[in-house]
Amino acid sequence: MAQLPLADLAQRLLRKPAHALDDEERRVLDSIDSGTIVSRDAADEADARASFGERLSDRVAAIGGSWSFIIAFTAVLLGWMLLNSDVLAHFGAAFDPFPYIFLNLMLSTVAAIQAPVIMMSQNRQAAKDRLAASLDYETNLRAELDILRLHQKLDGVVLDRLAALEAKIDGLADRAPAA
């Protein structure tokens, strides 16, 4: 297919003027015009766009939301309580005896830091989902337009064959002896 200007492709395939196209539609029509693909991996795209802070928040959320973290954190808490209740209390050196006020302060600090970091990671995941939806839309639009173009080509071939058959039938009718 000869390369058509974007305005012609927009009008013919999407029935829209070129200035009314959104970014995804413009990228799809550009890819049709240039003969390139539009499919991209959303995870790769999101990772390429991520800042250091976004990647760090993802790692913190991944670690903080794992069973290994929960088990390790529980072991540390139980160890802290056991150490301050029995072992160090036996020698009179417990630095955070029951009701574990220092432990509560540390837990509150960890929660105060961890909660916004996890929220940042959730926001990034939402952005990844939006990006994936956008890339899916581009791919689906490209597939739909390619199918439409194939239908148009097939319709043209069928019409050409029908015209050729009609011409043959007319030619045979003209040669047929009159009764």
N, C-alpha and C. Protein backbone atom coordinates (compact mmCIF):
# COMPACT_ATOMS: atom_id res chain seq x y z
N MET A 1 0.83 -1.17 0.00
CA MET A 1 0.00 0.00 0.00
C MET A 1 0.88 1.24 0.00
N ALA A 2 0.55 2.19 -0.84
CA ALA A 2 1.30 3.44 -0.87
C ALA A 2 1.06 4.19 0.42
N GLN A 3 2.09 4.87 0.88
CA GLN A 3 1.93 5.60 2.13
C GLN A 3 1.00 6.79 1.93
N LEU A 4 0.03 6.89 2.82
CA LEU A 4 -0.94 7.98 2.75
C LEU A 4 -0.65 8.98 3.86
N PRO A 5 -0.94 10.25 3.61
CA PRO A 5 -0.77 11.22 4.70
C PRO A 5 -1.69 10.86 5.88
N LEU A 6 -1.28 11.30 7.04
CA LEU A 6 -2.03 10.99 8.27
C LEU A 6 -3.47 11.45 8.16
N ALA A 7 -3.71 12.60 7.58
CA ALA A 7 -5.08 13.13 7.47
C ALA A 7 -5.95 12.19 6.63
N ASP A 8 -5.37 11.64 5.54
CA ASP A 8 -6.14 10.71 4.70
C ASP A 8 -6.44 9.41 5.45
N LEU A 9 -5.44 8.88 6.16
CA LEU A 9 -5.66 7.66 6.95
C LEU A 9 -6.71 7.90 8.03
N ALA A 10 -6.63 9.03 8.71
CA ALA A 10 -7.58 9.33 9.78
C ALA A 10 -8.99 9.40 9.24
N GLN A 11 -9.16 10.05 8.10
CA GLN A 11 -10.50 10.19 7.54
C GLN A 11 -11.02 8.86 7.01
N ARG A 12 -10.14 8.11 6.32
CA ARG A 12 -10.58 6.87 5.69
C ARG A 12 -10.82 5.76 6.71
N LEU A 13 -9.94 5.62 7.70
CA LEU A 13 -10.05 4.50 8.63
C LEU A 13 -10.86 4.82 9.88
N LEU A 14 -10.71 6.01 10.41
CA LEU A 14 -11.39 6.36 11.66
C LEU A 14 -12.55 7.32 11.46
N ARG A 15 -12.66 7.83 10.24
CA ARG A 15 -13.71 8.81 9.91
C ARG A 15 -13.64 10.01 10.86
N LYS A 16 -12.41 10.48 11.07
CA LYS A 16 -12.14 11.64 11.92
C LYS A 16 -11.14 12.53 11.22
N PRO A 17 -11.22 13.83 11.45
CA PRO A 17 -10.13 14.68 10.95
C PRO A 17 -8.87 14.47 11.79
N ALA A 18 -7.73 14.73 11.21
CA ALA A 18 -6.45 14.47 11.89
C ALA A 18 -6.33 15.26 13.19
N HIS A 19 -6.87 16.46 13.25
CA HIS A 19 -6.73 17.27 14.46
C HIS A 19 -7.58 16.73 15.62
N ALA A 20 -8.53 15.83 15.35
CA ALA A 20 -9.39 15.27 16.39
C ALA A 20 -8.86 13.96 16.96
N LEU A 21 -7.72 13.50 16.48
CA LEU A 21 -7.15 12.24 16.95
C LEU A 21 -6.52 12.41 18.32
N ASP A 22 -6.68 11.39 19.18
CA ASP A 22 -5.94 11.41 20.44
C ASP A 22 -4.56 10.78 20.20
N ASP A 23 -3.73 10.79 21.23
CA ASP A 23 -2.34 10.33 21.07
C ASP A 23 -2.26 8.87 20.62
N GLU A 24 -3.12 8.01 21.22
CA GLU A 24 -3.06 6.59 20.85
C GLU A 24 -3.44 6.39 19.38
N GLU A 25 -4.50 7.07 18.94
CA GLU A 25 -4.94 6.93 17.54
C GLU A 25 -3.87 7.45 16.59
N ARG A 26 -3.24 8.54 16.96
CA ARG A 26 -2.17 9.09 16.11
C ARG A 26 -1.00 8.11 16.00
N ARG A 27 -0.61 7.48 17.14
CA ARG A 27 0.49 6.51 17.11
C ARG A 27 0.13 5.30 16.25
N VAL A 28 -1.14 4.86 16.34
CA VAL A 28 -1.57 3.71 15.55
C VAL A 28 -1.53 4.05 14.06
N LEU A 29 -2.06 5.20 13.69
CA LEU A 29 -2.05 5.59 12.27
C LEU A 29 -0.63 5.82 11.77
N ASP A 30 0.23 6.38 12.61
CA ASP A 30 1.64 6.53 12.22
C ASP A 30 2.28 5.17 11.99
N SER A 31 1.95 4.19 12.84
CA SER A 31 2.53 2.85 12.68
C SER A 31 1.98 2.18 11.43
N ILE A 32 0.71 2.40 11.11
CA ILE A 32 0.15 1.85 9.87
C ILE A 32 0.85 2.49 8.68
N ASP A 33 1.03 3.80 8.74
CA ASP A 33 1.67 4.53 7.65
C ASP A 33 3.11 4.07 7.44
N SER A 34 3.83 3.83 8.53
CA SER A 34 5.23 3.43 8.42
C SER A 34 5.42 1.92 8.33
N GLY A 35 4.34 1.15 8.58
CA GLY A 35 4.45 -0.31 8.51
C GLY A 35 5.14 -0.93 9.71
N THR A 36 5.10 -0.26 10.86
CA THR A 36 5.73 -0.78 12.07
C THR A 36 4.66 -1.32 13.01
N ILE A 37 5.10 -1.99 14.07
CA ILE A 37 4.16 -2.56 15.03
C ILE A 37 3.93 -1.57 16.17
N VAL A 38 2.79 -1.72 16.86
CA VAL A 38 2.49 -0.86 18.00
C VAL A 38 2.55 -1.61 19.31
N SER A 39 2.62 -2.92 19.29
CA SER A 39 2.61 -3.72 20.52
C SER A 39 3.88 -3.45 21.32
N ARG A 40 3.67 -3.16 22.60
CA ARG A 40 4.77 -2.95 23.52
C ARG A 40 4.39 -3.59 24.85
N ASP A 41 5.39 -3.98 25.62
CA ASP A 41 5.16 -4.58 26.93
C ASP A 41 4.96 -3.47 27.95
N ALA A 42 3.80 -3.47 28.59
CA ALA A 42 3.47 -2.42 29.55
C ALA A 42 4.44 -2.40 30.73
N ALA A 43 4.87 -3.56 31.18
CA ALA A 43 5.81 -3.62 32.30
C ALA A 43 7.15 -2.98 31.93
N ASP A 44 7.62 -3.28 30.72
CA ASP A 44 8.88 -2.68 30.27
C ASP A 44 8.75 -1.17 30.14
N GLU A 45 7.64 -0.70 29.59
CA GLU A 45 7.40 0.73 29.45
C GLU A 45 7.36 1.41 30.82
N ALA A 46 6.64 0.81 31.76
CA ALA A 46 6.52 1.39 33.10
C ALA A 46 7.88 1.41 33.80
N ASP A 47 8.65 0.34 33.65
CA ASP A 47 9.97 0.30 34.28
C ASP A 47 10.91 1.34 33.68
N ALA A 48 10.79 1.55 32.38
CA ALA A 48 11.65 2.55 31.73
C ALA A 48 11.31 3.96 32.20
N ARG A 49 10.05 4.21 32.53
CA ARG A 49 9.62 5.54 32.96
C ARG A 49 9.76 5.76 34.46
N ALA A 50 10.07 4.71 35.23
CA ALA A 50 10.07 4.80 36.69
C ALA A 50 11.29 5.56 37.21
N SER A 51 11.06 6.37 38.22
CA SER A 51 12.16 7.06 38.89
C SER A 51 12.75 6.13 39.96
N PHE A 52 13.84 6.58 40.55
CA PHE A 52 14.47 5.79 41.62
C PHE A 52 13.51 5.61 42.79
N GLY A 53 12.83 6.68 43.17
CA GLY A 53 11.89 6.61 44.30
C GLY A 53 10.74 5.65 44.03
N GLU A 54 10.26 5.63 42.80
CA GLU A 54 9.16 4.70 42.46
C GLU A 54 9.63 3.26 42.53
N ARG A 55 10.81 3.00 42.00
CA ARG A 55 11.34 1.63 42.08
C ARG A 55 11.59 1.22 43.52
N LEU A 56 12.07 2.16 44.35
CA LEU A 56 12.31 1.87 45.76
C LEU A 56 10.99 1.57 46.48
N SER A 57 9.96 2.35 46.19
CA SER A 57 8.67 2.09 46.85
C SER A 57 8.11 0.73 46.44
N ASP A 58 8.34 0.33 45.20
CA ASP A 58 7.90 -1.00 44.76
C ASP A 58 8.62 -2.10 45.54
N ARG A 59 9.93 -1.92 45.75
CA ARG A 59 10.70 -2.93 46.49
C ARG A 59 10.25 -2.99 47.95
N VAL A 60 10.03 -1.83 48.58
CA VAL A 60 9.59 -1.81 49.97
C VAL A 60 8.23 -2.49 50.09
N ALA A 61 7.31 -2.17 49.16
CA ALA A 61 5.99 -2.79 49.20
C ALA A 61 6.08 -4.30 48.95
N ALA A 62 6.98 -4.71 48.06
CA ALA A 62 7.13 -6.14 47.79
C ALA A 62 7.67 -6.87 49.00
N ILE A 63 8.61 -6.26 49.70
CA ILE A 63 9.18 -6.90 50.89
C ILE A 63 8.17 -6.85 52.04
N GLY A 64 7.58 -5.66 52.26
CA GLY A 64 6.65 -5.49 53.38
C GLY A 64 5.36 -6.28 53.22
N GLY A 65 5.04 -6.69 52.01
CA GLY A 65 3.83 -7.46 51.78
C GLY A 65 4.08 -8.93 51.56
N SER A 66 5.20 -9.42 52.07
CA SER A 66 5.53 -10.84 51.87
C SER A 66 5.41 -11.61 53.18
N TRP A 67 5.22 -12.91 53.06
CA TRP A 67 5.15 -13.76 54.25
C TRP A 67 6.47 -13.80 54.98
N SER A 68 7.56 -13.75 54.24
CA SER A 68 8.87 -13.78 54.92
C SER A 68 9.04 -12.55 55.82
N PHE A 69 8.56 -11.39 55.37
CA PHE A 69 8.63 -10.19 56.22
C PHE A 69 7.75 -10.36 57.45
N ILE A 70 6.54 -10.85 57.27
CA ILE A 70 5.61 -11.02 58.39
C ILE A 70 6.19 -11.99 59.42
N ILE A 71 6.74 -13.09 58.95
CA ILE A 71 7.33 -14.08 59.86
C ILE A 71 8.55 -13.50 60.57
N ALA A 72 9.43 -12.84 59.84
CA ALA A 72 10.63 -12.25 60.45
C ALA A 72 10.26 -11.15 61.44
N PHE A 73 9.29 -10.32 61.08
CA PHE A 73 8.86 -9.24 61.96
C PHE A 73 8.23 -9.80 63.23
N THR A 74 7.45 -10.85 63.09
CA THR A 74 6.85 -11.50 64.27
C THR A 74 7.94 -12.09 65.17
N ALA A 75 8.95 -12.69 64.56
CA ALA A 75 10.05 -13.26 65.35
C ALA A 75 10.80 -12.16 66.10
N VAL A 76 11.04 -11.02 65.44
CA VAL A 76 11.73 -9.90 66.10
C VAL A 76 10.89 -9.38 67.26
N LEU A 77 9.59 -9.23 67.06
CA LEU A 77 8.70 -8.73 68.12
C LEU A 77 8.69 -9.70 69.31
N LEU A 78 8.53 -10.97 69.02
CA LEU A 78 8.52 -11.96 70.11
C LEU A 78 9.87 -12.00 70.83
N GLY A 79 10.96 -11.91 70.06
CA GLY A 79 12.30 -11.88 70.66
C GLY A 79 12.48 -10.65 71.54
N TRP A 80 12.03 -9.49 71.07
CA TRP A 80 12.10 -8.25 71.85
C TRP A 80 11.36 -8.41 73.18
N MET A 81 10.12 -8.92 73.10
CA MET A 81 9.31 -9.07 74.31
C MET A 81 9.92 -10.10 75.26
N LEU A 82 10.40 -11.20 74.71
CA LEU A 82 11.01 -12.24 75.54
C LEU A 82 12.28 -11.71 76.20
N LEU A 83 13.09 -11.01 75.43
CA LEU A 83 14.34 -10.45 75.95
C LEU A 83 14.06 -9.47 77.09
N ASN A 84 13.09 -8.59 76.92
CA ASN A 84 12.80 -7.57 77.93
C ASN A 84 11.94 -8.08 79.07
N SER A 85 11.24 -9.17 78.87
CA SER A 85 10.37 -9.68 79.94
C SER A 85 11.09 -10.68 80.82
N ASP A 86 11.88 -11.56 80.22
CA ASP A 86 12.49 -12.63 81.00
C ASP A 86 14.00 -12.49 81.14
N VAL A 87 14.69 -12.42 80.04
CA VAL A 87 16.15 -12.50 80.08
C VAL A 87 16.76 -11.29 80.77
N LEU A 88 16.54 -10.10 80.22
CA LEU A 88 17.16 -8.91 80.80
C LEU A 88 16.50 -8.50 82.12
N ALA A 89 15.21 -8.79 82.27
CA ALA A 89 14.52 -8.48 83.53
C ALA A 89 15.10 -9.30 84.68
N HIS A 90 15.56 -10.50 84.37
CA HIS A 90 16.17 -11.36 85.38
C HIS A 90 17.42 -10.70 85.97
N PHE A 91 18.16 -9.96 85.14
CA PHE A 91 19.37 -9.27 85.60
C PHE A 91 19.09 -7.82 85.98
N GLY A 92 17.83 -7.40 85.86
CA GLY A 92 17.47 -6.02 86.19
C GLY A 92 17.93 -5.03 85.15
N ALA A 93 18.19 -5.50 83.93
CA ALA A 93 18.71 -4.62 82.87
C ALA A 93 17.74 -4.47 81.71
N ALA A 94 16.48 -4.72 81.92
CA ALA A 94 15.50 -4.59 80.83
C ALA A 94 15.39 -3.13 80.42
N PHE A 95 15.68 -2.81 79.17
CA PHE A 95 15.64 -1.42 78.71
C PHE A 95 14.26 -1.00 78.22
N ASP A 96 13.36 -1.97 77.99
CA ASP A 96 11.99 -1.65 77.58
C ASP A 96 11.04 -2.66 78.20
N PRO A 97 10.82 -2.55 79.52
CA PRO A 97 9.95 -3.52 80.18
C PRO A 97 8.50 -3.35 79.77
N PHE A 98 7.70 -4.35 80.13
CA PHE A 98 6.26 -4.29 79.85
C PHE A 98 5.72 -2.95 80.38
N PRO A 99 4.99 -2.22 79.65
CA PRO A 99 4.16 -2.38 78.44
C PRO A 99 4.89 -2.05 77.14
N TYR A 100 6.21 -2.14 77.09
CA TYR A 100 7.01 -2.00 75.87
C TYR A 100 6.75 -0.67 75.16
N ILE A 101 6.94 0.40 75.84
CA ILE A 101 6.68 1.74 75.29
C ILE A 101 7.64 2.06 74.14
N PHE A 102 8.91 1.71 74.28
CA PHE A 102 9.87 1.96 73.21
C PHE A 102 9.54 1.12 71.97
N LEU A 103 9.13 -0.11 72.18
CA LEU A 103 8.72 -0.97 71.07
C LEU A 103 7.52 -0.36 70.34
N ASN A 104 6.55 0.14 71.11
CA ASN A 104 5.39 0.79 70.50
C ASN A 104 5.80 2.01 69.68
N LEU A 105 6.74 2.79 70.18
CA LEU A 105 7.25 3.95 69.45
C LEU A 105 7.89 3.52 68.13
N MET A 106 8.70 2.49 68.18
CA MET A 106 9.36 2.00 66.96
C MET A 106 8.35 1.45 65.96
N LEU A 107 7.35 0.71 66.44
CA LEU A 107 6.32 0.17 65.56
C LEU A 107 5.52 1.30 64.91
N SER A 108 5.22 2.32 65.68
CA SER A 108 4.49 3.47 65.12
C SER A 108 5.33 4.18 64.06
N THR A 109 6.62 4.31 64.31
CA THR A 109 7.52 4.94 63.35
C THR A 109 7.59 4.13 62.06
N VAL A 110 7.74 2.83 62.19
CA VAL A 110 7.79 1.96 61.01
C VAL A 110 6.48 2.07 60.22
N ALA A 111 5.36 2.05 60.93
CA ALA A 111 4.05 2.16 60.25
C ALA A 111 3.90 3.51 59.58
N ALA A 112 4.37 4.58 60.24
CA ALA A 112 4.25 5.92 59.66
C ALA A 112 5.09 6.07 58.40
N ILE A 113 6.19 5.37 58.32
CA ILE A 113 7.04 5.43 57.13
C ILE A 113 6.55 4.45 56.07
N GLN A 114 6.18 3.27 56.49
CA GLN A 114 5.81 2.21 55.55
C GLN A 114 4.49 2.49 54.84
N ALA A 115 3.52 3.06 55.52
CA ALA A 115 2.20 3.28 54.91
C ALA A 115 2.27 4.20 53.69
N PRO A 116 2.92 5.37 53.75
CA PRO A 116 2.98 6.21 52.55
C PRO A 116 3.80 5.57 51.42
N VAL A 117 4.83 4.81 51.79
CA VAL A 117 5.63 4.15 50.75
C VAL A 117 4.78 3.11 50.02
N ILE A 118 3.99 2.36 50.77
CA ILE A 118 3.10 1.37 50.14
C ILE A 118 2.05 2.08 49.29
N MET A 119 1.56 3.23 49.75
CA MET A 119 0.60 3.98 48.94
C MET A 119 1.24 4.48 47.65
N MET A 120 2.52 4.90 47.72
CA MET A 120 3.23 5.30 46.50
C MET A 120 3.30 4.13 45.53
N SER A 121 3.58 2.96 46.05
CA SER A 121 3.65 1.77 45.20
C SER A 121 2.29 1.45 44.60
N GLN A 122 1.22 1.62 45.38
CA GLN A 122 -0.12 1.39 44.84
C GLN A 122 -0.46 2.41 43.76
N ASN A 123 -0.05 3.66 43.95
CA ASN A 123 -0.27 4.67 42.91
C ASN A 123 0.50 4.31 41.65
N ARG A 124 1.70 3.82 41.83
CA ARG A 124 2.50 3.42 40.66
C ARG A 124 1.84 2.24 39.96
N GLN A 125 1.30 1.30 40.74
CA GLN A 125 0.60 0.17 40.12
C GLN A 125 -0.61 0.64 39.34
N ALA A 126 -1.33 1.61 39.87
CA ALA A 126 -2.47 2.17 39.15
C ALA A 126 -2.01 2.83 37.85
N ALA A 127 -0.87 3.53 37.90
CA ALA A 127 -0.32 4.14 36.69
C ALA A 127 0.08 3.06 35.68
N LYS A 128 0.66 1.95 36.18
CA LYS A 128 1.01 0.83 35.29
C LYS A 128 -0.24 0.26 34.64
N ASP A 129 -1.32 0.13 35.41
CA ASP A 129 -2.57 -0.40 34.87
C ASP A 129 -3.14 0.53 33.80
N ARG A 130 -3.05 1.85 34.04
CA ARG A 130 -3.53 2.80 33.03
C ARG A 130 -2.68 2.70 31.76
N LEU A 131 -1.38 2.57 31.93
CA LEU A 131 -0.48 2.43 30.78
C LEU A 131 -0.79 1.14 30.02
N ALA A 132 -1.01 0.05 30.75
CA ALA A 132 -1.34 -1.22 30.09
C ALA A 132 -2.65 -1.10 29.33
N ALA A 133 -3.63 -0.42 29.90
CA ALA A 133 -4.91 -0.23 29.20
C ALA A 133 -4.71 0.60 27.94
N SER A 134 -3.88 1.61 28.02
CA SER A 134 -3.61 2.45 26.85
C SER A 134 -2.91 1.65 25.75
N LEU A 135 -1.92 0.85 26.14
CA LEU A 135 -1.20 0.03 25.16
C LEU A 135 -2.12 -1.04 24.57
N ASP A 136 -2.98 -1.62 25.40
CA ASP A 136 -3.96 -2.58 24.90
C ASP A 136 -4.90 -1.93 23.89
N TYR A 137 -5.33 -0.71 24.19
CA TYR A 137 -6.21 0.01 23.27
C TYR A 137 -5.53 0.23 21.93
N GLU A 138 -4.26 0.65 21.97
CA GLU A 138 -3.51 0.87 20.73
C GLU A 138 -3.43 -0.42 19.92
N THR A 139 -3.09 -1.52 20.60
CA THR A 139 -2.97 -2.80 19.90
C THR A 139 -4.31 -3.24 19.33
N ASN A 140 -5.37 -3.11 20.12
CA ASN A 140 -6.71 -3.49 19.64
C ASN A 140 -7.16 -2.62 18.49
N LEU A 141 -6.89 -1.32 18.57
CA LEU A 141 -7.26 -0.42 17.48
C LEU A 141 -6.50 -0.77 16.22
N ARG A 142 -5.23 -1.06 16.36
CA ARG A 142 -4.42 -1.43 15.19
C ARG A 142 -4.97 -2.71 14.57
N ALA A 143 -5.28 -3.70 15.39
CA ALA A 143 -5.82 -4.96 14.87
C ALA A 143 -7.15 -4.73 14.17
N GLU A 144 -8.00 -3.93 14.78
CA GLU A 144 -9.31 -3.64 14.19
C GLU A 144 -9.17 -2.92 12.86
N LEU A 145 -8.26 -1.94 12.80
CA LEU A 145 -8.06 -1.21 11.55
C LEU A 145 -7.45 -2.10 10.48
N ASP A 146 -6.53 -2.97 10.88
CA ASP A 146 -5.95 -3.91 9.90
C ASP A 146 -7.00 -4.87 9.36
N ILE A 147 -7.88 -5.34 10.23
CA ILE A 147 -8.97 -6.22 9.77
C ILE A 147 -9.89 -5.46 8.83
N LEU A 148 -10.20 -4.22 9.16
CA LEU A 148 -11.03 -3.39 8.30
C LEU A 148 -10.37 -3.20 6.93
N ARG A 149 -9.08 -2.93 6.94
CA ARG A 149 -8.35 -2.76 5.66
C ARG A 149 -8.36 -4.06 4.86
N LEU A 150 -8.21 -5.21 5.53
CA LEU A 150 -8.27 -6.50 4.82
C LEU A 150 -9.65 -6.73 4.21
N HIS A 151 -10.69 -6.38 4.97
CA HIS A 151 -12.05 -6.51 4.43
C HIS A 151 -12.23 -5.63 3.20
N GLN A 152 -11.70 -4.43 3.26
CA GLN A 152 -11.82 -3.54 2.10
C GLN A 152 -11.09 -4.12 0.90
N LYS A 153 -9.91 -4.68 1.12
CA LYS A 153 -9.17 -5.29 0.01
C LYS A 153 -9.92 -6.50 -0.55
N LEU A 154 -10.44 -7.34 0.34
CA LEU A 154 -11.20 -8.51 -0.12
C LEU A 154 -12.46 -8.09 -0.87
N ASP A 155 -13.14 -7.07 -0.36
CA ASP A 155 -14.32 -6.57 -1.06
C ASP A 155 -13.94 -6.07 -2.46
N GLY A 156 -12.80 -5.41 -2.57
CA GLY A 156 -12.34 -4.94 -3.89
C GLY A 156 -12.06 -6.10 -4.82
N VAL A 157 -11.41 -7.14 -4.31
CA VAL A 157 -11.11 -8.33 -5.14
C VAL A 157 -12.41 -9.00 -5.57
N VAL A 158 -13.35 -9.14 -4.66
CA VAL A 158 -14.63 -9.77 -4.99
C VAL A 158 -15.37 -8.95 -6.04
N LEU A 159 -15.40 -7.64 -5.89
CA LEU A 159 -16.08 -6.79 -6.87
C LEU A 159 -15.40 -6.87 -8.24
N ASP A 160 -14.07 -6.91 -8.25
CA ASP A 160 -13.35 -7.05 -9.53
C ASP A 160 -13.68 -8.38 -10.20
N ARG A 161 -13.74 -9.46 -9.41
CA ARG A 161 -14.08 -10.77 -9.98
C ARG A 161 -15.51 -10.80 -10.48
N LEU A 162 -16.41 -10.20 -9.71
CA LEU A 162 -17.81 -10.13 -10.16
C LEU A 162 -17.93 -9.35 -11.46
N ALA A 163 -17.21 -8.25 -11.57
CA ALA A 163 -17.24 -7.46 -12.80
C ALA A 163 -16.68 -8.27 -13.97
N ALA A 164 -15.60 -9.04 -13.72
CA ALA A 164 -15.02 -9.87 -14.77
C ALA A 164 -16.00 -10.96 -15.19
N LEU A 165 -16.68 -11.58 -14.20
CA LEU A 165 -17.66 -12.61 -14.52
C LEU A 165 -18.84 -12.02 -15.30
N GLU A 166 -19.29 -10.85 -14.92
CA GLU A 166 -20.38 -10.19 -15.64
C GLU A 166 -19.97 -9.90 -17.08
N ALA A 167 -18.71 -9.46 -17.24
CA ALA A 167 -18.22 -9.18 -18.59
C ALA A 167 -18.18 -10.46 -19.41
N LYS A 168 -17.75 -11.57 -18.81
CA LYS A 168 -17.72 -12.85 -19.52
C LYS A 168 -19.14 -13.27 -19.89
N ILE A 169 -20.05 -13.14 -18.94
CA ILE A 169 -21.45 -13.54 -19.22
C ILE A 169 -22.02 -12.67 -20.32
N ASP A 170 -21.75 -11.36 -20.26
CA ASP A 170 -22.24 -10.47 -21.32
C ASP A 170 -21.60 -10.83 -22.66
N GLY A 171 -20.33 -11.19 -22.64
CA GLY A 171 -19.64 -11.58 -23.88
C GLY A 171 -20.22 -12.87 -24.43
N LEU A 172 -20.54 -13.83 -23.56
CA LEU A 172 -21.14 -15.08 -24.01
C LEU A 172 -22.56 -14.83 -24.54
N ALA A 173 -23.28 -13.94 -23.90
CA ALA A 173 -24.64 -13.64 -24.35
C ALA A 173 -24.62 -12.96 -25.71
N ASP A 174 -23.61 -12.12 -25.95
CA ASP A 174 -23.52 -11.44 -27.24
C ASP A 174 -23.16 -12.42 -28.35
N ARG A 175 -22.39 -13.47 -28.05
CA ARG A 175 -21.99 -14.45 -29.04
C ARG A 175 -23.02 -15.54 -29.24
N ALA A 176 -23.92 -15.66 -28.35
CA ALA A 176 -24.92 -16.73 -28.47
C ALA A 176 -25.80 -16.50 -29.68
N PRO A 177 -26.13 -17.55 -30.45
CA PRO A 177 -26.99 -17.38 -31.63
C PRO A 177 -28.40 -16.97 -31.22
N ALA A 178 -28.96 -16.11 -31.99
CA ALA A 178 -30.33 -15.65 -31.70
C ALA A 178 -31.28 -16.75 -32.05
N ALA A 179 -32.29 -16.92 -31.27
CA ALA A 179 -33.23 -18.01 -31.50
C ALA A 179 -34.33 -17.65 -32.43
